[in-house]
Amino acid sequence: MEPNAQNTALLVMDMQMGIIPMLPGAETLLAKAAKAIAHAREKEIPVIYVVVGFRQGAPEVSSNNKSFSAGKSKYANVNMAEFMTVHPQLKPAEGEITITKRRVSSFTGSDLEVVLRAFGIQHLVLTGIATGGVVLSTTREAADKDYSLTIISDCCADADEEVHRVLTTKVFPRQAEVLTLEEWAKK
């Protein structure tokens, strides 16, 4: 990955084999995300993949973490390498970076910020599962870190459609530009 003139990167978050099957109707999301990735590559915008995962047995999961501790027994018995693999429809190209995080936000427990600084990235374009999880947490933290943000609303999804709608129409516009894939591709 090399610095780009736009100082922009597309983040593809949690679109991995251990999460995609939990989302009803994921095929539409995968198709749109693949188009966003193709557009970014065509425009020479770096694509950075972010996956959530743990060491075998999930020793990083605290009993104090309500979200992750509920699934700790599941994480302890899953093949983490398979769980963390980016979905084949969105497979990273040679030279594209995959970041592993240990919590909901793309920044927490990862080296994402180090990579973004190394490449002069100041504008993040966000896609991911779930809108109320990684997209919300990353948006909040990135805004606090003074990144300029764009969220591609139809390249994000949540198992609860109402959560997705409220976030993309009422919450995210306070901190990010919210566009459809078609709108973003025209920029």
N, C-alpha and C. Protein backbone atom coordinates (compact mmCIF):
# COMPACT_ATOMS: atom_id res chain seq x y z
N MET A 1 0.85 -1.17 0.00
CA MET A 1 0.00 0.00 0.00
C MET A 1 0.89 1.23 0.00
N GLU A 2 0.55 2.17 -0.82
CA GLU A 2 1.31 3.42 -0.88
C GLU A 2 0.39 4.58 -0.58
N PRO A 3 0.96 5.71 -0.13
CA PRO A 3 0.13 6.88 0.13
C PRO A 3 -0.67 7.27 -1.13
N ASN A 4 -1.84 7.86 -0.92
CA ASN A 4 -2.65 8.27 -2.06
C ASN A 4 -2.95 9.75 -1.98
N ALA A 5 -3.21 10.34 -3.12
CA ALA A 5 -3.41 11.78 -3.21
C ALA A 5 -4.63 12.25 -2.41
N GLN A 6 -5.63 11.38 -2.29
CA GLN A 6 -6.85 11.78 -1.60
C GLN A 6 -6.74 11.67 -0.08
N ASN A 7 -5.67 11.06 0.42
CA ASN A 7 -5.53 10.81 1.86
C ASN A 7 -6.73 10.04 2.41
N THR A 8 -7.29 9.17 1.59
CA THR A 8 -8.50 8.43 1.89
C THR A 8 -8.22 6.94 1.89
N ALA A 9 -8.92 6.21 2.75
CA ALA A 9 -8.87 4.74 2.73
C ALA A 9 -10.29 4.21 2.92
N LEU A 10 -10.57 3.11 2.25
CA LEU A 10 -11.83 2.39 2.43
C LEU A 10 -11.60 1.31 3.47
N LEU A 11 -12.39 1.32 4.55
CA LEU A 11 -12.31 0.27 5.56
C LEU A 11 -13.44 -0.73 5.33
N VAL A 12 -13.08 -2.00 5.23
CA VAL A 12 -14.03 -3.10 5.08
C VAL A 12 -13.97 -3.84 6.41
N MET A 13 -15.00 -3.66 7.24
CA MET A 13 -14.93 -4.07 8.63
C MET A 13 -15.84 -5.27 8.96
N ASP A 14 -15.23 -6.28 9.55
CA ASP A 14 -15.93 -7.46 10.07
C ASP A 14 -16.70 -8.25 9.01
N MET A 15 -16.33 -8.11 7.76
CA MET A 15 -16.96 -8.88 6.69
C MET A 15 -16.17 -10.18 6.52
N GLN A 16 -16.32 -11.02 7.52
CA GLN A 16 -15.49 -12.21 7.66
C GLN A 16 -16.36 -13.44 7.82
N MET A 17 -15.73 -14.59 7.62
CA MET A 17 -16.46 -15.86 7.61
C MET A 17 -17.18 -16.15 8.93
N GLY A 18 -16.68 -15.69 10.04
CA GLY A 18 -17.32 -15.95 11.32
C GLY A 18 -18.51 -15.05 11.60
N ILE A 19 -18.71 -14.02 10.78
CA ILE A 19 -19.79 -13.06 11.05
C ILE A 19 -20.84 -13.03 9.94
N ILE A 20 -20.44 -13.11 8.70
CA ILE A 20 -21.37 -13.04 7.56
C ILE A 20 -22.56 -14.00 7.72
N PRO A 21 -22.35 -15.25 8.12
CA PRO A 21 -23.50 -16.17 8.22
C PRO A 21 -24.56 -15.74 9.24
N MET A 22 -24.22 -14.86 10.15
CA MET A 22 -25.18 -14.38 11.15
C MET A 22 -26.13 -13.32 10.59
N LEU A 23 -25.83 -12.82 9.39
CA LEU A 23 -26.61 -11.72 8.82
C LEU A 23 -27.56 -12.24 7.76
N PRO A 24 -28.87 -12.13 7.98
CA PRO A 24 -29.82 -12.55 6.95
C PRO A 24 -29.65 -11.68 5.69
N GLY A 25 -29.73 -12.30 4.53
CA GLY A 25 -29.64 -11.55 3.27
C GLY A 25 -28.28 -10.95 3.00
N ALA A 26 -27.24 -11.59 3.44
CA ALA A 26 -25.88 -11.05 3.31
C ALA A 26 -25.42 -10.93 1.86
N GLU A 27 -26.01 -11.67 0.94
CA GLU A 27 -25.56 -11.64 -0.46
C GLU A 27 -25.62 -10.24 -1.06
N THR A 28 -26.68 -9.49 -0.76
CA THR A 28 -26.81 -8.12 -1.29
C THR A 28 -25.69 -7.24 -0.75
N LEU A 29 -25.43 -7.35 0.54
CA LEU A 29 -24.36 -6.57 1.16
C LEU A 29 -23.01 -6.93 0.55
N LEU A 30 -22.74 -8.22 0.38
CA LEU A 30 -21.48 -8.65 -0.20
C LEU A 30 -21.30 -8.12 -1.62
N ALA A 31 -22.35 -8.14 -2.41
CA ALA A 31 -22.27 -7.64 -3.78
C ALA A 31 -21.96 -6.15 -3.80
N LYS A 32 -22.62 -5.40 -2.95
CA LYS A 32 -22.37 -3.94 -2.90
C LYS A 32 -20.97 -3.64 -2.37
N ALA A 33 -20.56 -4.37 -1.33
CA ALA A 33 -19.21 -4.16 -0.78
C ALA A 33 -18.15 -4.48 -1.83
N ALA A 34 -18.38 -5.52 -2.62
CA ALA A 34 -17.43 -5.86 -3.69
C ALA A 34 -17.34 -4.73 -4.71
N LYS A 35 -18.46 -4.08 -5.01
CA LYS A 35 -18.46 -2.93 -5.93
C LYS A 35 -17.71 -1.74 -5.33
N ALA A 36 -17.90 -1.52 -4.02
CA ALA A 36 -17.18 -0.42 -3.35
C ALA A 36 -15.68 -0.67 -3.39
N ILE A 37 -15.28 -1.91 -3.14
CA ILE A 37 -13.86 -2.27 -3.18
C ILE A 37 -13.30 -2.08 -4.59
N ALA A 38 -14.04 -2.52 -5.60
CA ALA A 38 -13.59 -2.36 -6.99
C ALA A 38 -13.44 -0.88 -7.33
N HIS A 39 -14.39 -0.07 -6.89
CA HIS A 39 -14.32 1.38 -7.15
C HIS A 39 -13.10 1.99 -6.46
N ALA A 40 -12.88 1.62 -5.21
CA ALA A 40 -11.72 2.16 -4.48
C ALA A 40 -10.42 1.79 -5.20
N ARG A 41 -10.32 0.54 -5.60
CA ARG A 41 -9.10 0.11 -6.30
C ARG A 41 -8.91 0.86 -7.60
N GLU A 42 -10.01 1.06 -8.33
CA GLU A 42 -9.94 1.80 -9.60
C GLU A 42 -9.47 3.23 -9.38
N LYS A 43 -9.90 3.83 -8.27
CA LYS A 43 -9.52 5.22 -7.93
C LYS A 43 -8.22 5.29 -7.14
N GLU A 44 -7.57 4.13 -6.96
CA GLU A 44 -6.32 4.03 -6.21
C GLU A 44 -6.46 4.50 -4.76
N ILE A 45 -7.64 4.21 -4.20
CA ILE A 45 -7.89 4.44 -2.78
C ILE A 45 -7.54 3.14 -2.06
N PRO A 46 -6.66 3.18 -1.10
CA PRO A 46 -6.30 1.95 -0.39
C PRO A 46 -7.51 1.31 0.28
N VAL A 47 -7.54 -0.02 0.22
CA VAL A 47 -8.58 -0.80 0.89
C VAL A 47 -7.91 -1.49 2.08
N ILE A 48 -8.47 -1.26 3.25
CA ILE A 48 -7.94 -1.86 4.48
C ILE A 48 -9.05 -2.71 5.08
N TYR A 49 -8.73 -3.95 5.34
CA TYR A 49 -9.69 -4.88 5.92
C TYR A 49 -9.47 -4.92 7.42
N VAL A 50 -10.56 -4.94 8.18
CA VAL A 50 -10.48 -5.05 9.63
C VAL A 50 -11.32 -6.26 10.03
N VAL A 51 -10.72 -7.17 10.77
CA VAL A 51 -11.43 -8.35 11.27
C VAL A 51 -11.31 -8.41 12.78
N VAL A 52 -12.31 -9.00 13.40
CA VAL A 52 -12.27 -9.21 14.84
C VAL A 52 -11.85 -10.65 15.10
N GLY A 53 -11.01 -10.83 16.08
CA GLY A 53 -10.59 -12.19 16.40
C GLY A 53 -9.77 -12.24 17.68
N PHE A 54 -9.57 -13.46 18.11
CA PHE A 54 -8.86 -13.69 19.37
C PHE A 54 -7.88 -14.83 19.19
N ARG A 55 -6.99 -14.96 20.13
CA ARG A 55 -6.12 -16.13 20.17
C ARG A 55 -7.00 -17.34 20.45
N GLN A 56 -6.50 -18.52 20.13
CA GLN A 56 -7.27 -19.73 20.40
C GLN A 56 -7.64 -19.78 21.88
N GLY A 57 -8.89 -20.02 22.17
CA GLY A 57 -9.37 -20.03 23.54
C GLY A 57 -9.89 -18.68 24.01
N ALA A 58 -9.69 -17.64 23.23
CA ALA A 58 -10.16 -16.28 23.51
C ALA A 58 -9.73 -15.74 24.87
N PRO A 59 -8.42 -15.80 25.20
CA PRO A 59 -7.98 -15.29 26.50
C PRO A 59 -8.17 -13.78 26.64
N GLU A 60 -8.35 -13.06 25.54
CA GLU A 60 -8.52 -11.60 25.59
C GLU A 60 -9.92 -11.19 26.04
N VAL A 61 -10.85 -12.14 26.09
CA VAL A 61 -12.24 -11.83 26.42
C VAL A 61 -12.42 -11.83 27.94
N SER A 62 -12.73 -10.67 28.47
CA SER A 62 -12.95 -10.50 29.91
C SER A 62 -14.40 -10.83 30.26
N SER A 63 -14.59 -11.37 31.44
CA SER A 63 -15.96 -11.62 31.91
C SER A 63 -16.70 -10.31 32.16
N ASN A 64 -15.98 -9.21 32.24
CA ASN A 64 -16.60 -7.89 32.41
C ASN A 64 -17.17 -7.34 31.11
N ASN A 65 -16.78 -7.92 29.97
CA ASN A 65 -17.24 -7.44 28.67
C ASN A 65 -18.52 -8.18 28.31
N LYS A 66 -19.66 -7.53 28.51
CA LYS A 66 -20.97 -8.16 28.31
C LYS A 66 -21.12 -8.70 26.89
N SER A 67 -20.70 -7.94 25.95
CA SER A 67 -20.84 -8.30 24.54
C SER A 67 -20.04 -9.55 24.16
N PHE A 68 -18.77 -9.55 24.44
CA PHE A 68 -17.93 -10.67 24.03
C PHE A 68 -17.99 -11.85 24.99
N SER A 69 -18.17 -11.60 26.29
CA SER A 69 -18.15 -12.71 27.23
C SER A 69 -19.32 -13.67 27.01
N ALA A 70 -20.44 -13.16 26.47
CA ALA A 70 -21.60 -14.02 26.18
C ALA A 70 -21.23 -15.10 25.16
N GLY A 71 -20.27 -14.80 24.27
CA GLY A 71 -19.87 -15.77 23.25
C GLY A 71 -18.53 -16.42 23.49
N LYS A 72 -17.95 -16.21 24.67
CA LYS A 72 -16.60 -16.72 24.92
C LYS A 72 -16.49 -18.23 24.72
N SER A 73 -17.48 -18.99 25.17
CA SER A 73 -17.40 -20.45 24.99
C SER A 73 -17.42 -20.79 23.49
N LYS A 74 -18.17 -20.04 22.71
CA LYS A 74 -18.19 -20.25 21.26
C LYS A 74 -16.82 -19.92 20.66
N TYR A 75 -16.27 -18.77 21.05
CA TYR A 75 -14.96 -18.37 20.53
C TYR A 75 -13.87 -19.36 20.93
N ALA A 76 -13.99 -19.93 22.10
CA ALA A 76 -12.98 -20.86 22.60
C ALA A 76 -12.92 -22.14 21.77
N ASN A 77 -14.03 -22.48 21.13
CA ASN A 77 -14.08 -23.73 20.37
C ASN A 77 -14.07 -23.56 18.87
N VAL A 78 -13.94 -22.35 18.41
CA VAL A 78 -13.96 -22.10 16.96
C VAL A 78 -12.52 -22.02 16.43
N ASN A 79 -12.36 -22.38 15.17
CA ASN A 79 -11.06 -22.21 14.52
C ASN A 79 -10.93 -20.72 14.18
N MET A 80 -10.12 -20.01 14.93
CA MET A 80 -10.00 -18.56 14.77
C MET A 80 -9.49 -18.16 13.39
N ALA A 81 -8.60 -18.93 12.82
CA ALA A 81 -8.11 -18.59 11.48
C ALA A 81 -9.26 -18.56 10.48
N GLU A 82 -10.14 -19.54 10.56
CA GLU A 82 -11.31 -19.57 9.66
C GLU A 82 -12.28 -18.46 10.01
N PHE A 83 -12.54 -18.27 11.30
CA PHE A 83 -13.46 -17.24 11.78
C PHE A 83 -13.06 -15.85 11.26
N MET A 84 -11.76 -15.57 11.25
CA MET A 84 -11.24 -14.26 10.89
C MET A 84 -10.99 -14.07 9.39
N THR A 85 -11.20 -15.09 8.59
CA THR A 85 -10.94 -14.98 7.15
C THR A 85 -11.96 -14.06 6.49
N VAL A 86 -11.48 -13.08 5.73
CA VAL A 86 -12.36 -12.19 4.97
C VAL A 86 -13.15 -13.05 3.99
N HIS A 87 -14.43 -12.72 3.84
CA HIS A 87 -15.30 -13.48 2.93
C HIS A 87 -14.67 -13.53 1.54
N PRO A 88 -14.67 -14.70 0.88
CA PRO A 88 -14.02 -14.85 -0.43
C PRO A 88 -14.49 -13.86 -1.49
N GLN A 89 -15.74 -13.39 -1.44
CA GLN A 89 -16.21 -12.40 -2.41
C GLN A 89 -15.50 -11.06 -2.27
N LEU A 90 -14.88 -10.84 -1.13
CA LEU A 90 -14.24 -9.56 -0.84
C LEU A 90 -12.74 -9.72 -0.62
N LYS A 91 -12.20 -10.80 -1.05
CA LYS A 91 -10.81 -11.18 -0.78
C LYS A 91 -9.83 -10.04 -1.01
N PRO A 92 -8.97 -9.80 -0.02
CA PRO A 92 -7.95 -8.76 -0.19
C PRO A 92 -7.02 -9.08 -1.37
N ALA A 93 -6.67 -8.03 -2.10
CA ALA A 93 -5.70 -8.16 -3.19
C ALA A 93 -4.30 -8.16 -2.60
N GLU A 94 -3.37 -8.60 -3.39
CA GLU A 94 -1.99 -8.61 -2.93
C GLU A 94 -1.58 -7.20 -2.50
N GLY A 95 -0.97 -7.11 -1.34
CA GLY A 95 -0.50 -5.83 -0.82
C GLY A 95 -1.52 -5.10 0.04
N GLU A 96 -2.78 -5.53 0.03
CA GLU A 96 -3.78 -4.88 0.88
C GLU A 96 -3.63 -5.42 2.30
N ILE A 97 -3.84 -4.54 3.25
CA ILE A 97 -3.60 -4.85 4.66
C ILE A 97 -4.86 -5.34 5.34
N THR A 98 -4.68 -6.35 6.18
CA THR A 98 -5.76 -6.81 7.06
C THR A 98 -5.33 -6.55 8.50
N ILE A 99 -6.17 -5.84 9.21
CA ILE A 99 -5.94 -5.46 10.61
C ILE A 99 -6.78 -6.39 11.49
N THR A 100 -6.21 -6.88 12.57
CA THR A 100 -6.98 -7.66 13.54
C THR A 100 -7.23 -6.80 14.76
N LYS A 101 -8.49 -6.72 15.15
CA LYS A 101 -8.88 -5.97 16.35
C LYS A 101 -9.39 -6.96 17.39
N ARG A 102 -9.45 -6.53 18.63
CA ARG A 102 -9.87 -7.41 19.73
C ARG A 102 -11.18 -6.97 20.38
N ARG A 103 -11.75 -5.88 19.91
CA ARG A 103 -13.00 -5.36 20.45
C ARG A 103 -13.87 -4.88 19.30
N VAL A 104 -14.92 -4.12 19.60
CA VAL A 104 -15.89 -3.71 18.59
C VAL A 104 -15.31 -2.64 17.66
N SER A 105 -14.72 -1.59 18.20
CA SER A 105 -14.14 -0.54 17.37
C SER A 105 -12.93 -1.06 16.60
N SER A 106 -12.77 -0.57 15.39
CA SER A 106 -11.61 -0.97 14.57
C SER A 106 -10.29 -0.51 15.17
N PHE A 107 -10.35 0.45 16.06
CA PHE A 107 -9.13 0.98 16.67
C PHE A 107 -8.69 0.19 17.91
N THR A 108 -9.63 -0.37 18.64
CA THR A 108 -9.33 -0.97 19.93
C THR A 108 -8.65 -2.33 19.79
N GLY A 109 -7.46 -2.42 20.35
CA GLY A 109 -6.70 -3.66 20.31
C GLY A 109 -6.10 -3.95 18.95
N SER A 110 -5.93 -2.90 18.13
CA SER A 110 -5.35 -3.09 16.79
C SER A 110 -4.28 -2.05 16.53
N ASP A 111 -3.61 -2.22 15.40
CA ASP A 111 -2.61 -1.22 14.98
C ASP A 111 -3.15 -0.36 13.83
N LEU A 112 -4.46 -0.24 13.72
CA LEU A 112 -5.07 0.54 12.63
C LEU A 112 -4.54 1.96 12.59
N GLU A 113 -4.51 2.63 13.71
CA GLU A 113 -4.09 4.03 13.72
C GLU A 113 -2.64 4.19 13.26
N VAL A 114 -1.79 3.26 13.62
CA VAL A 114 -0.39 3.30 13.18
C VAL A 114 -0.32 3.19 11.66
N VAL A 115 -1.10 2.28 11.09
CA VAL A 115 -1.12 2.10 9.63
C VAL A 115 -1.67 3.35 8.95
N LEU A 116 -2.76 3.91 9.48
CA LEU A 116 -3.35 5.11 8.88
C LEU A 116 -2.36 6.27 8.88
N ARG A 117 -1.66 6.46 9.99
CA ARG A 117 -0.65 7.54 10.06
C ARG A 117 0.48 7.30 9.07
N ALA A 118 0.91 6.05 8.96
CA ALA A 118 2.03 5.74 8.06
C ALA A 118 1.71 6.11 6.62
N PHE A 119 0.44 6.03 6.26
CA PHE A 119 0.04 6.32 4.89
C PHE A 119 -0.65 7.66 4.72
N GLY A 120 -0.60 8.49 5.75
CA GLY A 120 -1.15 9.83 5.65
C GLY A 120 -2.66 9.87 5.47
N ILE A 121 -3.36 8.85 5.96
CA ILE A 121 -4.81 8.78 5.80
C ILE A 121 -5.48 9.72 6.79
N GLN A 122 -6.35 10.57 6.27
CA GLN A 122 -7.10 11.49 7.11
C GLN A 122 -8.60 11.35 6.92
N HIS A 123 -8.99 10.61 5.87
CA HIS A 123 -10.41 10.44 5.54
C HIS A 123 -10.70 8.94 5.45
N LEU A 124 -11.66 8.48 6.24
CA LEU A 124 -12.04 7.08 6.24
C LEU A 124 -13.42 6.91 5.62
N VAL A 125 -13.52 5.93 4.75
CA VAL A 125 -14.80 5.55 4.15
C VAL A 125 -15.14 4.20 4.77
N LEU A 126 -16.27 4.13 5.47
CA LEU A 126 -16.60 2.96 6.27
C LEU A 126 -17.67 2.07 5.64
N THR A 127 -17.41 0.77 5.68
CA THR A 127 -18.37 -0.27 5.32
C THR A 127 -18.26 -1.33 6.41
N GLY A 128 -19.35 -2.08 6.65
CA GLY A 128 -19.18 -3.14 7.64
C GLY A 128 -20.44 -3.71 8.24
N ILE A 129 -20.19 -4.76 9.02
CA ILE A 129 -21.22 -5.46 9.78
C ILE A 129 -20.78 -5.42 11.24
N ALA A 130 -21.52 -4.98 12.09
CA ALA A 130 -22.88 -4.51 12.05
C ALA A 130 -22.88 -3.00 12.20
N THR A 131 -23.93 -2.40 11.65
CA THR A 131 -24.06 -0.95 11.73
C THR A 131 -24.04 -0.50 13.18
N GLY A 132 -24.74 -1.23 14.05
CA GLY A 132 -24.79 -0.88 15.46
C GLY A 132 -23.61 -1.38 16.26
N GLY A 133 -22.66 -2.03 15.61
CA GLY A 133 -21.46 -2.55 16.26
C GLY A 133 -20.23 -1.83 15.76
N VAL A 134 -19.49 -2.47 14.87
CA VAL A 134 -18.22 -1.93 14.39
C VAL A 134 -18.37 -0.58 13.70
N VAL A 135 -19.44 -0.38 12.94
CA VAL A 135 -19.59 0.90 12.22
C VAL A 135 -19.82 2.03 13.23
N LEU A 136 -20.72 1.81 14.17
CA LEU A 136 -20.99 2.83 15.19
C LEU A 136 -19.74 3.11 16.04
N SER A 137 -19.11 2.08 16.56
CA SER A 137 -17.95 2.26 17.43
C SER A 137 -16.77 2.90 16.71
N THR A 138 -16.54 2.48 15.47
CA THR A 138 -15.44 3.05 14.70
C THR A 138 -15.74 4.50 14.32
N THR A 139 -16.98 4.78 13.97
CA THR A 139 -17.37 6.16 13.65
C THR A 139 -17.11 7.08 14.83
N ARG A 140 -17.57 6.68 16.00
CA ARG A 140 -17.41 7.51 17.19
C ARG A 140 -15.94 7.75 17.51
N GLU A 141 -15.15 6.67 17.49
CA GLU A 141 -13.74 6.82 17.84
C GLU A 141 -12.97 7.60 16.77
N ALA A 142 -13.26 7.33 15.51
CA ALA A 142 -12.58 8.05 14.42
C ALA A 142 -12.91 9.54 14.45
N ALA A 143 -14.16 9.87 14.73
CA ALA A 143 -14.55 11.28 14.84
C ALA A 143 -13.80 11.96 15.98
N ASP A 144 -13.68 11.26 17.11
CA ASP A 144 -12.94 11.81 18.25
C ASP A 144 -11.45 11.97 17.93
N LYS A 145 -10.95 11.19 16.99
CA LYS A 145 -9.54 11.26 16.60
C LYS A 145 -9.35 12.24 15.41
N ASP A 146 -10.42 12.94 15.04
CA ASP A 146 -10.40 13.97 14.00
C ASP A 146 -10.22 13.46 12.59
N TYR A 147 -10.65 12.23 12.31
CA TYR A 147 -10.69 11.75 10.93
C TYR A 147 -11.94 12.30 10.26
N SER A 148 -11.83 12.62 9.00
CA SER A 148 -12.99 12.94 8.19
C SER A 148 -13.63 11.61 7.82
N LEU A 149 -14.97 11.55 7.85
CA LEU A 149 -15.65 10.27 7.68
C LEU A 149 -16.73 10.29 6.62
N THR A 150 -16.79 9.20 5.87
CA THR A 150 -17.89 8.91 4.97
C THR A 150 -18.36 7.51 5.30
N ILE A 151 -19.66 7.33 5.39
CA ILE A 151 -20.22 6.00 5.63
C ILE A 151 -21.07 5.65 4.42
N ILE A 152 -20.78 4.50 3.81
CA ILE A 152 -21.58 4.04 2.67
C ILE A 152 -22.72 3.22 3.27
N SER A 153 -23.89 3.82 3.33
CA SER A 153 -25.02 3.25 4.08
C SER A 153 -25.45 1.87 3.57
N ASP A 154 -25.43 1.66 2.27
CA ASP A 154 -25.86 0.35 1.76
C ASP A 154 -24.72 -0.65 1.65
N CYS A 155 -23.57 -0.29 2.21
CA CYS A 155 -22.45 -1.24 2.35
C CYS A 155 -22.24 -1.53 3.84
N CYS A 156 -23.26 -1.22 4.62
CA CYS A 156 -23.30 -1.54 6.05
C CYS A 156 -24.62 -2.27 6.28
N ALA A 157 -24.65 -3.11 7.28
CA ALA A 157 -25.89 -3.84 7.59
C ALA A 157 -25.91 -4.20 9.05
N ASP A 158 -27.13 -4.42 9.53
CA ASP A 158 -27.34 -4.82 10.91
C ASP A 158 -28.48 -5.83 10.91
N ALA A 159 -28.42 -6.79 11.80
CA ALA A 159 -29.51 -7.77 11.89
C ALA A 159 -30.82 -7.08 12.25
N ASP A 160 -30.73 -5.92 12.91
CA ASP A 160 -31.92 -5.13 13.25
C ASP A 160 -31.99 -3.95 12.27
N GLU A 161 -32.90 -4.04 11.32
CA GLU A 161 -33.02 -3.02 10.27
C GLU A 161 -33.33 -1.63 10.85
N GLU A 162 -34.09 -1.59 11.95
CA GLU A 162 -34.42 -0.30 12.57
C GLU A 162 -33.16 0.36 13.14
N VAL A 163 -32.28 -0.41 13.74
CA VAL A 163 -31.02 0.13 14.25
C VAL A 163 -30.22 0.72 13.09
N HIS A 164 -30.14 -0.01 11.99
CA HIS A 164 -29.42 0.48 10.79
C HIS A 164 -30.03 1.80 10.31
N ARG A 165 -31.35 1.84 10.20
CA ARG A 165 -32.03 3.04 9.70
C ARG A 165 -31.78 4.24 10.61
N VAL A 166 -31.97 4.06 11.90
CA VAL A 166 -31.79 5.18 12.83
C VAL A 166 -30.34 5.69 12.81
N LEU A 167 -29.40 4.78 12.82
CA LEU A 167 -28.00 5.20 12.80
C LEU A 167 -27.64 5.94 11.52
N THR A 168 -28.02 5.39 10.37
CA THR A 168 -27.61 6.00 9.10
C THR A 168 -28.37 7.28 8.75
N THR A 169 -29.57 7.45 9.32
CA THR A 169 -30.34 8.66 8.98
C THR A 169 -30.33 9.72 10.07
N LYS A 170 -30.11 9.33 11.32
CA LYS A 170 -30.21 10.29 12.41
C LYS A 170 -28.91 10.49 13.20
N VAL A 171 -28.16 9.43 13.43
CA VAL A 171 -26.98 9.52 14.29
C VAL A 171 -25.71 9.83 13.50
N PHE A 172 -25.41 9.01 12.51
CA PHE A 172 -24.16 9.18 11.76
C PHE A 172 -24.01 10.53 11.07
N PRO A 173 -25.08 11.12 10.51
CA PRO A 173 -24.91 12.41 9.83
C PRO A 173 -24.35 13.52 10.73
N ARG A 174 -24.38 13.33 12.03
CA ARG A 174 -23.80 14.32 12.95
C ARG A 174 -22.27 14.29 12.92
N GLN A 175 -21.69 13.16 12.49
CA GLN A 175 -20.24 13.03 12.51
C GLN A 175 -19.64 12.61 11.17
N ALA A 176 -20.48 12.27 10.21
CA ALA A 176 -19.97 11.75 8.95
C ALA A 176 -20.89 12.12 7.80
N GLU A 177 -20.33 12.07 6.63
CA GLU A 177 -21.15 12.18 5.43
C GLU A 177 -21.69 10.77 5.17
N VAL A 178 -22.99 10.63 5.04
CA VAL A 178 -23.60 9.33 4.80
C VAL A 178 -24.11 9.31 3.36
N LEU A 179 -23.56 8.38 2.58
CA LEU A 179 -23.89 8.28 1.16
C LEU A 179 -24.26 6.83 0.82
N THR A 180 -24.99 6.66 -0.27
CA THR A 180 -25.19 5.32 -0.82
C THR A 180 -23.96 4.99 -1.66
N LEU A 181 -23.82 3.74 -2.03
CA LEU A 181 -22.71 3.34 -2.89
C LEU A 181 -22.74 4.11 -4.20
N GLU A 182 -23.91 4.24 -4.78
CA GLU A 182 -24.03 4.98 -6.05
C GLU A 182 -23.57 6.43 -5.90
N GLU A 183 -23.96 7.08 -4.81
CA GLU A 183 -23.54 8.47 -4.58
C GLU A 183 -22.02 8.56 -4.38
N TRP A 184 -21.47 7.65 -3.60
CA TRP A 184 -20.04 7.66 -3.34
C TRP A 184 -19.24 7.41 -4.62
N ALA A 185 -19.71 6.51 -5.45
CA ALA A 185 -19.00 6.17 -6.68
C ALA A 185 -18.97 7.33 -7.67
N LYS A 186 -19.87 8.27 -7.55
CA LYS A 186 -19.91 9.43 -8.44
C LYS A 186 -18.94 10.52 -8.01
N LYS A 187 -18.42 10.43 -6.78
CA LYS A 187 -17.52 11.49 -6.27
C LYS A 187 -16.15 11.37 -6.88
